[in-house]
Amino acid sequence: MSRQDFDSNLILVQDIMTKAIISVNTETTVFQVAKMMEQGGIGAVLVKKDGHLSGIITDRDYATKIVSHNLPSDTPVEKIMSSPLITINYDETISAAAKRMTSKKIRKLAVTDNGEIVGLITSTDLVTQLTK
């Protein structure tokens, strides 16, 4: 696909989303999550509460919530996670994903299929697709 052929109304979220979901429970510490992110080269981890994905902790949360408030490294992720989890359906367009990210002022969306989280799409995914 050349840049001339690029049409964000034809490319679906499922075409570019990351299917690998990494999650932790609410009592996992921010230090443990930071180590997971570093070792995995990832920028977000989903958070489970009572067996359901209910929030997300991102690399940006570290700057805006942990460092700026000088929270200890043993703080449970539940205290700083972003919740509720903002989602988009897997069969929506990447244009819709970009609009949702812009309107919510976020960089990551959980992707759903019939209410079940099946992946994650990020602003980096969108930019990467745009540059192909």
N, C-alpha and C. Protein backbone atom coordinates (compact mmCIF):
# COMPACT_ATOMS: atom_id res chain seq x y z
N MET A 1 0.85 -1.17 0.00
CA MET A 1 0.00 0.00 0.00
C MET A 1 0.89 1.23 0.00
N SER A 2 0.70 2.08 -0.96
CA SER A 2 1.48 3.31 -1.00
C SER A 2 0.75 4.37 -0.18
N ARG A 3 1.45 5.44 0.09
CA ARG A 3 0.84 6.52 0.87
C ARG A 3 -0.37 7.10 0.14
N GLN A 4 -0.31 7.11 -1.22
CA GLN A 4 -1.45 7.61 -1.98
C GLN A 4 -2.68 6.75 -1.77
N ASP A 5 -2.46 5.46 -1.55
CA ASP A 5 -3.57 4.53 -1.38
C ASP A 5 -4.11 4.54 0.05
N PHE A 6 -3.42 5.21 0.97
CA PHE A 6 -3.81 5.19 2.38
C PHE A 6 -5.18 5.84 2.57
N ASP A 7 -6.05 5.09 3.20
CA ASP A 7 -7.37 5.62 3.54
C ASP A 7 -7.72 5.08 4.92
N SER A 8 -7.67 5.94 5.92
CA SER A 8 -7.90 5.51 7.29
C SER A 8 -9.33 5.05 7.52
N ASN A 9 -10.20 5.25 6.54
CA ASN A 9 -11.57 4.77 6.66
C ASN A 9 -11.71 3.33 6.17
N LEU A 10 -10.65 2.78 5.59
CA LEU A 10 -10.70 1.41 5.11
C LEU A 10 -9.91 0.44 5.99
N ILE A 11 -8.98 0.96 6.75
CA ILE A 11 -8.16 0.12 7.62
C ILE A 11 -8.85 0.00 8.97
N LEU A 12 -8.99 -1.24 9.43
CA LEU A 12 -9.69 -1.49 10.68
C LEU A 12 -8.73 -1.64 11.84
N VAL A 13 -9.24 -1.38 13.03
CA VAL A 13 -8.46 -1.52 14.26
C VAL A 13 -7.83 -2.91 14.33
N GLN A 14 -8.58 -3.95 13.98
CA GLN A 14 -8.07 -5.32 14.07
C GLN A 14 -6.87 -5.56 13.16
N ASP A 15 -6.71 -4.74 12.12
CA ASP A 15 -5.61 -4.89 11.18
C ASP A 15 -4.27 -4.46 11.76
N ILE A 16 -4.29 -3.57 12.75
CA ILE A 16 -3.01 -3.05 13.26
C ILE A 16 -2.87 -3.17 14.78
N MET A 17 -3.87 -3.67 15.48
CA MET A 17 -3.80 -3.75 16.94
C MET A 17 -2.78 -4.79 17.39
N THR A 18 -2.33 -4.65 18.62
CA THR A 18 -1.47 -5.64 19.25
C THR A 18 -2.39 -6.63 19.96
N LYS A 19 -2.19 -7.91 19.67
CA LYS A 19 -3.07 -8.93 20.26
C LYS A 19 -2.57 -9.43 21.60
N ALA A 20 -1.29 -9.24 21.88
CA ALA A 20 -0.74 -9.69 23.15
C ALA A 20 -1.21 -8.76 24.26
N ILE A 21 -1.89 -9.33 25.23
CA ILE A 21 -2.40 -8.53 26.36
C ILE A 21 -1.61 -8.92 27.61
N ILE A 22 -1.03 -7.94 28.24
CA ILE A 22 -0.31 -8.17 29.49
C ILE A 22 -1.12 -7.49 30.57
N SER A 23 -1.46 -8.28 31.61
CA SER A 23 -2.26 -7.71 32.68
C SER A 23 -1.71 -8.12 34.04
N VAL A 24 -2.05 -7.32 35.03
CA VAL A 24 -1.67 -7.57 36.42
C VAL A 24 -2.90 -7.36 37.28
N ASN A 25 -2.82 -7.82 38.52
CA ASN A 25 -3.95 -7.55 39.43
C ASN A 25 -3.72 -6.20 40.12
N THR A 26 -4.73 -5.73 40.79
CA THR A 26 -4.72 -4.39 41.38
C THR A 26 -3.68 -4.20 42.48
N GLU A 27 -3.25 -5.29 43.09
CA GLU A 27 -2.28 -5.19 44.19
C GLU A 27 -0.83 -5.21 43.72
N THR A 28 -0.60 -5.44 42.45
CA THR A 28 0.77 -5.40 41.91
C THR A 28 1.33 -4.00 42.15
N THR A 29 2.59 -3.93 42.53
CA THR A 29 3.17 -2.62 42.83
C THR A 29 3.61 -1.90 41.56
N VAL A 30 3.71 -0.59 41.67
CA VAL A 30 4.15 0.20 40.52
C VAL A 30 5.58 -0.16 40.13
N PHE A 31 6.39 -0.58 41.11
CA PHE A 31 7.75 -1.01 40.81
C PHE A 31 7.74 -2.28 39.96
N GLN A 32 6.91 -3.25 40.34
CA GLN A 32 6.81 -4.49 39.58
C GLN A 32 6.36 -4.23 38.14
N VAL A 33 5.39 -3.35 37.98
CA VAL A 33 4.90 -3.02 36.64
C VAL A 33 5.98 -2.30 35.83
N ALA A 34 6.71 -1.41 36.47
CA ALA A 34 7.80 -0.70 35.77
C ALA A 34 8.84 -1.70 35.26
N LYS A 35 9.17 -2.69 36.06
CA LYS A 35 10.13 -3.72 35.64
C LYS A 35 9.57 -4.53 34.47
N MET A 36 8.30 -4.86 34.52
CA MET A 36 7.66 -5.60 33.42
C MET A 36 7.72 -4.78 32.13
N MET A 37 7.42 -3.50 32.24
CA MET A 37 7.44 -2.63 31.06
C MET A 37 8.86 -2.54 30.49
N GLU A 38 9.83 -2.37 31.37
CA GLU A 38 11.21 -2.26 30.92
C GLU A 38 11.67 -3.55 30.23
N GLN A 39 11.42 -4.67 30.87
CA GLN A 39 11.87 -5.95 30.32
C GLN A 39 11.13 -6.33 29.04
N GLY A 40 9.86 -5.96 28.96
CA GLY A 40 9.08 -6.30 27.78
C GLY A 40 9.11 -5.25 26.68
N GLY A 41 9.71 -4.10 26.97
CA GLY A 41 9.75 -3.03 25.98
C GLY A 41 8.36 -2.53 25.62
N ILE A 42 7.49 -2.45 26.64
CA ILE A 42 6.10 -2.05 26.41
C ILE A 42 5.78 -0.77 27.18
N GLY A 43 4.71 -0.10 26.77
CA GLY A 43 4.34 1.17 27.38
C GLY A 43 3.06 1.14 28.17
N ALA A 44 2.43 -0.05 28.27
CA ALA A 44 1.17 -0.12 29.02
C ALA A 44 0.91 -1.54 29.49
N VAL A 45 0.26 -1.63 30.64
CA VAL A 45 -0.17 -2.90 31.21
C VAL A 45 -1.62 -2.71 31.66
N LEU A 46 -2.46 -3.67 31.32
CA LEU A 46 -3.85 -3.62 31.75
C LEU A 46 -3.96 -4.13 33.18
N VAL A 47 -4.97 -3.67 33.90
CA VAL A 47 -5.15 -4.03 35.31
C VAL A 47 -6.48 -4.76 35.48
N LYS A 48 -6.39 -5.92 36.16
CA LYS A 48 -7.57 -6.73 36.44
C LYS A 48 -8.05 -6.50 37.86
N LYS A 49 -9.36 -6.36 37.98
CA LYS A 49 -9.98 -6.27 39.30
C LYS A 49 -11.14 -7.26 39.30
N ASP A 50 -11.16 -8.15 40.28
CA ASP A 50 -12.20 -9.17 40.39
C ASP A 50 -12.32 -9.98 39.10
N GLY A 51 -11.16 -10.27 38.48
CA GLY A 51 -11.15 -11.11 37.28
C GLY A 51 -11.50 -10.40 35.98
N HIS A 52 -11.79 -9.10 36.04
CA HIS A 52 -12.15 -8.35 34.84
C HIS A 52 -11.15 -7.22 34.61
N LEU A 53 -10.81 -6.97 33.36
CA LEU A 53 -9.93 -5.86 33.04
C LEU A 53 -10.69 -4.56 33.29
N SER A 54 -10.14 -3.74 34.18
CA SER A 54 -10.87 -2.55 34.59
C SER A 54 -10.08 -1.26 34.48
N GLY A 55 -8.79 -1.36 34.16
CA GLY A 55 -7.98 -0.16 34.08
C GLY A 55 -6.71 -0.41 33.31
N ILE A 56 -5.90 0.64 33.19
CA ILE A 56 -4.63 0.57 32.48
C ILE A 56 -3.62 1.43 33.21
N ILE A 57 -2.39 1.01 33.21
CA ILE A 57 -1.30 1.84 33.71
C ILE A 57 -0.32 1.99 32.55
N THR A 58 0.05 3.23 32.27
CA THR A 58 0.91 3.51 31.14
C THR A 58 2.21 4.15 31.61
N ASP A 59 3.17 4.20 30.69
CA ASP A 59 4.43 4.86 31.02
C ASP A 59 4.20 6.32 31.38
N ARG A 60 3.20 6.92 30.79
CA ARG A 60 2.89 8.32 31.09
C ARG A 60 2.37 8.47 32.53
N ASP A 61 1.68 7.46 33.04
CA ASP A 61 1.19 7.51 34.43
C ASP A 61 2.34 7.66 35.41
N TYR A 62 3.51 7.10 35.06
CA TYR A 62 4.65 7.22 35.96
C TYR A 62 5.06 8.67 36.14
N ALA A 63 5.06 9.42 35.07
CA ALA A 63 5.46 10.83 35.17
C ALA A 63 4.37 11.68 35.82
N THR A 64 3.13 11.45 35.43
CA THR A 64 2.05 12.34 35.88
C THR A 64 1.47 11.97 37.23
N LYS A 65 1.61 10.74 37.63
CA LYS A 65 0.98 10.33 38.90
C LYS A 65 1.98 9.87 39.96
N ILE A 66 3.01 9.15 39.56
CA ILE A 66 3.93 8.60 40.55
C ILE A 66 5.04 9.60 40.88
N VAL A 67 5.78 10.00 39.87
CA VAL A 67 6.92 10.88 40.11
C VAL A 67 6.46 12.25 40.63
N SER A 68 5.45 12.83 39.99
CA SER A 68 5.02 14.17 40.38
C SER A 68 4.43 14.21 41.79
N HIS A 69 3.93 13.08 42.27
CA HIS A 69 3.38 13.03 43.63
C HIS A 69 4.31 12.31 44.60
N ASN A 70 5.49 11.95 44.11
CA ASN A 70 6.51 11.29 44.94
C ASN A 70 5.97 10.05 45.67
N LEU A 71 5.22 9.22 44.93
CA LEU A 71 4.65 8.01 45.53
C LEU A 71 5.72 6.94 45.68
N PRO A 72 5.64 6.12 46.72
CA PRO A 72 6.64 5.06 46.92
C PRO A 72 6.48 3.94 45.88
N SER A 73 7.57 3.21 45.66
CA SER A 73 7.57 2.16 44.64
C SER A 73 6.68 0.97 44.99
N ASP A 74 6.26 0.88 46.26
CA ASP A 74 5.37 -0.22 46.64
C ASP A 74 3.89 0.16 46.56
N THR A 75 3.59 1.29 45.92
CA THR A 75 2.20 1.72 45.73
C THR A 75 1.49 0.72 44.82
N PRO A 76 0.32 0.22 45.21
CA PRO A 76 -0.42 -0.69 44.32
C PRO A 76 -0.91 0.06 43.07
N VAL A 77 -0.89 -0.64 41.93
CA VAL A 77 -1.29 0.00 40.67
C VAL A 77 -2.73 0.50 40.72
N GLU A 78 -3.56 -0.10 41.55
CA GLU A 78 -4.95 0.33 41.66
C GLU A 78 -5.04 1.82 42.03
N LYS A 79 -4.06 2.31 42.77
CA LYS A 79 -4.08 3.71 43.23
C LYS A 79 -3.82 4.70 42.10
N ILE A 80 -3.16 4.25 41.03
CA ILE A 80 -2.81 5.19 39.97
C ILE A 80 -3.34 4.80 38.59
N MET A 81 -3.94 3.63 38.47
CA MET A 81 -4.40 3.21 37.13
C MET A 81 -5.47 4.16 36.60
N SER A 82 -5.53 4.23 35.29
CA SER A 82 -6.59 5.00 34.65
C SER A 82 -7.79 4.08 34.49
N SER A 83 -8.93 4.52 34.98
CA SER A 83 -10.13 3.70 34.95
C SER A 83 -11.33 4.65 34.86
N PRO A 84 -12.38 4.29 34.16
CA PRO A 84 -12.60 3.02 33.47
C PRO A 84 -11.73 2.91 32.22
N LEU A 85 -11.58 1.69 31.77
CA LEU A 85 -10.82 1.40 30.57
C LEU A 85 -11.58 1.91 29.35
N ILE A 86 -10.94 2.71 28.54
CA ILE A 86 -11.60 3.26 27.35
C ILE A 86 -11.33 2.29 26.20
N THR A 87 -12.38 1.93 25.49
CA THR A 87 -12.28 0.86 24.50
C THR A 87 -12.77 1.30 23.13
N ILE A 88 -12.47 0.45 22.16
CA ILE A 88 -12.98 0.59 20.80
C ILE A 88 -13.20 -0.82 20.27
N ASN A 89 -14.20 -1.00 19.45
CA ASN A 89 -14.49 -2.31 18.89
C ASN A 89 -13.48 -2.64 17.79
N TYR A 90 -13.13 -3.91 17.68
CA TYR A 90 -12.11 -4.37 16.74
C TYR A 90 -12.45 -4.07 15.28
N ASP A 91 -13.73 -3.94 14.95
CA ASP A 91 -14.11 -3.74 13.55
C ASP A 91 -14.37 -2.27 13.20
N GLU A 92 -13.97 -1.36 14.10
CA GLU A 92 -14.06 0.06 13.77
C GLU A 92 -12.81 0.48 13.00
N THR A 93 -12.89 1.61 12.33
CA THR A 93 -11.76 2.08 11.54
C THR A 93 -10.69 2.71 12.42
N ILE A 94 -9.47 2.77 11.87
CA ILE A 94 -8.41 3.42 12.63
C ILE A 94 -8.66 4.93 12.73
N SER A 95 -9.42 5.46 11.79
CA SER A 95 -9.82 6.86 11.88
C SER A 95 -10.68 7.08 13.12
N ALA A 96 -11.59 6.16 13.40
CA ALA A 96 -12.44 6.24 14.60
C ALA A 96 -11.58 6.12 15.85
N ALA A 97 -10.57 5.25 15.80
CA ALA A 97 -9.66 5.09 16.94
C ALA A 97 -8.91 6.40 17.20
N ALA A 98 -8.41 7.02 16.14
CA ALA A 98 -7.68 8.29 16.28
C ALA A 98 -8.59 9.37 16.87
N LYS A 99 -9.81 9.41 16.41
CA LYS A 99 -10.76 10.41 16.93
C LYS A 99 -11.06 10.17 18.41
N ARG A 100 -11.22 8.91 18.80
CA ARG A 100 -11.49 8.61 20.21
C ARG A 100 -10.30 8.99 21.07
N MET A 101 -9.10 8.65 20.62
CA MET A 101 -7.90 9.01 21.38
C MET A 101 -7.80 10.53 21.54
N THR A 102 -8.06 11.24 20.47
CA THR A 102 -7.98 12.70 20.51
C THR A 102 -9.02 13.29 21.45
N SER A 103 -10.26 12.81 21.35
CA SER A 103 -11.32 13.37 22.18
C SER A 103 -11.12 13.05 23.66
N LYS A 104 -10.55 11.89 23.97
CA LYS A 104 -10.33 11.48 25.35
C LYS A 104 -8.96 11.89 25.88
N LYS A 105 -8.11 12.44 24.97
CA LYS A 105 -6.75 12.85 25.32
C LYS A 105 -5.94 11.69 25.90
N ILE A 106 -5.99 10.57 25.19
CA ILE A 106 -5.25 9.38 25.58
C ILE A 106 -4.46 8.86 24.39
N ARG A 107 -3.57 7.90 24.66
CA ARG A 107 -2.73 7.36 23.60
C ARG A 107 -2.89 5.87 23.40
N LYS A 108 -3.74 5.25 24.20
CA LYS A 108 -3.93 3.81 24.11
C LYS A 108 -5.40 3.46 24.32
N LEU A 109 -5.90 2.54 23.50
CA LEU A 109 -7.28 2.07 23.61
C LEU A 109 -7.28 0.55 23.73
N ALA A 110 -8.08 0.02 24.63
CA ALA A 110 -8.31 -1.42 24.67
C ALA A 110 -9.26 -1.76 23.53
N VAL A 111 -9.01 -2.88 22.87
CA VAL A 111 -9.83 -3.29 21.74
C VAL A 111 -10.74 -4.42 22.19
N THR A 112 -12.03 -4.29 21.84
CA THR A 112 -13.01 -5.30 22.28
C THR A 112 -13.65 -6.03 21.10
N ASP A 113 -14.11 -7.23 21.40
CA ASP A 113 -14.91 -8.04 20.49
C ASP A 113 -16.03 -8.62 21.35
N ASN A 114 -17.25 -8.18 21.11
CA ASN A 114 -18.40 -8.60 21.92
C ASN A 114 -18.16 -8.36 23.41
N GLY A 115 -17.57 -7.23 23.75
CA GLY A 115 -17.35 -6.86 25.14
C GLY A 115 -16.11 -7.46 25.77
N GLU A 116 -15.43 -8.37 25.09
CA GLU A 116 -14.22 -8.99 25.62
C GLU A 116 -13.00 -8.27 25.05
N ILE A 117 -12.03 -7.99 25.90
CA ILE A 117 -10.83 -7.30 25.44
C ILE A 117 -9.93 -8.30 24.71
N VAL A 118 -9.60 -7.94 23.46
CA VAL A 118 -8.83 -8.83 22.59
C VAL A 118 -7.51 -8.22 22.13
N GLY A 119 -7.24 -6.98 22.53
CA GLY A 119 -6.00 -6.35 22.10
C GLY A 119 -5.90 -4.92 22.58
N LEU A 120 -4.89 -4.24 22.04
CA LEU A 120 -4.61 -2.87 22.40
C LEU A 120 -4.16 -2.15 21.14
N ILE A 121 -4.61 -0.92 20.95
CA ILE A 121 -4.14 -0.09 19.85
C ILE A 121 -3.61 1.20 20.43
N THR A 122 -2.47 1.65 19.90
CA THR A 122 -1.82 2.84 20.45
C THR A 122 -1.66 3.91 19.37
N SER A 123 -1.37 5.09 19.81
CA SER A 123 -1.11 6.17 18.86
C SER A 123 0.12 5.84 18.02
N THR A 124 1.07 5.13 18.58
CA THR A 124 2.24 4.70 17.80
C THR A 124 1.83 3.75 16.68
N ASP A 125 0.87 2.86 16.95
CA ASP A 125 0.36 1.98 15.90
C ASP A 125 -0.22 2.79 14.75
N LEU A 126 -0.95 3.84 15.09
CA LEU A 126 -1.57 4.69 14.07
C LEU A 126 -0.51 5.42 13.25
N VAL A 127 0.49 5.97 13.91
CA VAL A 127 1.54 6.68 13.20
C VAL A 127 2.34 5.72 12.32
N THR A 128 2.63 4.54 12.83
CA THR A 128 3.35 3.54 12.04
C THR A 128 2.58 3.18 10.79
N GLN A 129 1.27 3.02 10.92
CA GLN A 129 0.45 2.70 9.76
C GLN A 129 0.46 3.84 8.75
N LEU A 130 0.44 5.05 9.23
CA LEU A 130 0.42 6.23 8.36
C LEU A 130 1.70 6.34 7.54
N THR A 131 2.81 5.89 8.10
CA THR A 131 4.10 6.02 7.41
C THR A 131 4.43 4.87 6.48
N LYS A 132 3.56 3.89 6.39
CA LYS A 132 3.81 2.75 5.49
C LYS A 132 3.61 3.14 4.05
